[in-house]
Protein backbone atom coordinates (compact mmCIF):
# COMPACT_ATOMS: atom_id res chain seq x y z
CA MET A 1 0.00 0.00 0.00
CA ALA A 2 1.39 3.41 -0.96
CA LYS A 3 2.15 5.87 1.79
CA THR A 4 0.71 9.36 1.75
CA VAL A 5 2.49 12.55 2.72
CA ALA A 6 0.54 12.48 5.99
CA ASP A 7 2.11 9.11 6.78
CA VAL A 8 5.67 10.44 6.65
CA MET A 9 5.45 14.14 7.47
CA THR A 10 6.19 15.76 10.80
CA PRO A 11 2.86 17.35 11.77
CA ASP A 12 4.24 20.05 14.08
CA PRO A 13 7.85 20.69 12.99
CA ILE A 14 10.36 22.85 14.79
CA SER A 15 10.49 26.16 12.93
CA VAL A 16 12.20 29.55 12.92
CA THR A 17 11.22 33.03 11.77
CA PRO A 18 12.96 35.17 9.16
CA ASN A 19 14.34 37.30 12.01
CA THR A 20 15.98 34.38 13.82
CA VAL A 21 19.73 34.91 14.14
CA LEU A 22 21.50 32.48 11.82
CA LYS A 23 23.80 31.26 14.60
CA ASP A 24 20.75 30.25 16.67
CA ALA A 25 19.19 28.40 13.72
CA ILE A 26 22.44 26.52 13.09
CA GLN A 27 22.57 25.54 16.76
CA LEU A 28 18.98 24.29 16.56
CA LEU A 29 19.80 22.17 13.49
CA ALA A 30 22.77 20.66 15.32
CA ASP A 31 20.97 20.10 18.62
CA LYS A 32 17.97 18.41 17.00
CA HIS A 33 20.02 16.50 14.39
CA ILE A 34 17.89 17.80 11.53
CA GLY A 35 18.82 19.04 8.07
CA GLY A 36 16.31 21.82 7.62
CA LEU A 37 13.84 24.16 9.26
CA PRO A 38 10.63 25.69 7.95
CA VAL A 39 10.64 29.49 8.18
CA ILE A 40 7.30 30.96 9.20
CA ASP A 41 6.00 34.51 9.61
CA GLU A 42 4.07 35.96 12.56
CA ALA A 43 0.82 34.48 11.22
CA GLY A 44 2.33 31.00 10.99
CA LYS A 45 2.50 31.12 7.18
CA LEU A 46 5.39 29.31 5.51
CA VAL A 47 7.68 31.92 3.94
CA GLY A 48 10.77 29.83 3.31
CA ILE A 49 12.98 26.97 4.33
CA LEU A 50 16.46 26.94 5.83
CA SER A 51 18.42 23.86 4.78
CA GLU A 52 21.98 22.69 5.18
CA SER A 53 22.66 23.63 1.56
CA ASP A 54 21.56 27.22 2.32
CA LEU A 55 24.35 27.34 4.87
CA MET A 56 27.19 26.62 2.46
CA TRP A 57 29.99 29.17 2.17
CA GLN A 58 28.47 30.85 -0.87
CA ALA A 59 25.23 31.64 0.94
CA THR A 60 26.95 33.38 3.84
CA GLY A 61 29.17 35.46 1.59
CA VAL A 62 32.30 34.24 3.37
CA ASP A 63 35.09 32.98 1.15
CA MET A 64 37.14 30.04 2.29
CA PRO A 65 40.55 31.32 3.32
CA ALA A 66 43.19 30.92 0.66
CA TYR A 67 46.14 28.91 1.89
CA ILE A 68 48.99 26.75 0.72
CA MET A 69 50.51 23.70 2.34
CA LEU A 70 54.27 23.80 2.68
CA LEU A 71 56.17 21.09 4.55
CA ASP A 72 53.01 20.02 6.41
CA SER A 73 52.34 23.59 7.52
CA VAL A 74 49.37 25.74 6.60
CA ILE A 75 50.29 29.18 5.30
CA TYR A 76 47.31 31.50 4.94
CA LEU A 77 47.42 33.88 2.01
CA LYS A 78 44.90 36.06 3.77
CA ASN A 79 44.98 37.23 7.37
CA PRO A 80 43.29 34.50 9.49
CA ASN A 81 41.96 37.17 11.86
CA GLN A 82 40.08 38.79 8.99
CA TYR A 83 38.62 35.39 8.08
CA SER A 84 37.49 34.94 11.69
CA GLN A 85 35.80 38.36 11.58
CA GLU A 86 33.97 37.38 8.38
CA ILE A 87 32.72 34.15 9.98
CA HIS A 88 31.42 36.03 13.02
CA LYS A 89 29.74 38.57 10.75
CA ALA A 90 28.10 35.77 8.74
CA LEU A 91 26.85 34.07 11.89
CA GLY A 92 25.25 37.34 12.93
CA GLN A 93 23.09 37.31 9.82
CA LEU A 94 19.41 36.55 10.00
CA VAL A 95 17.72 33.46 8.59
CA ARG A 96 16.05 35.67 5.95
CA ASP A 97 19.51 36.43 4.50
CA VAL A 98 20.21 32.81 3.50
CA MET A 99 16.89 30.92 3.45
CA THR A 100 15.24 29.64 0.29
CA ALA A 101 12.10 31.74 -0.14
CA LYS A 102 10.55 29.96 -3.11
CA VAL A 103 9.30 26.79 -1.46
CA ILE A 104 7.32 24.15 -3.31
CA THR A 105 4.50 22.79 -1.16
CA ILE A 106 1.92 20.05 -1.61
């Protein structure tokens, strides 16, 4: 017998709002061992989804630090402190900055 969406869906999923700080959403994903979160507005309407793929480097605007390996040592071609600042800035973003807004629903 074929399963329906109702058979496999989570009826009351954990969700975030567009104004949730990205760092908090990432922590929620890690704590709950889930790969995505629905993003809902004040009225409870689905306005987007935050998935692991939304959190890739390109989405946050942070470039991976350029480096070279020399004799088993890492030599950064960019100041590592600047990279750290960019990471902290990216983690201060809001969910709305990286979520996928065009969600297909059934």
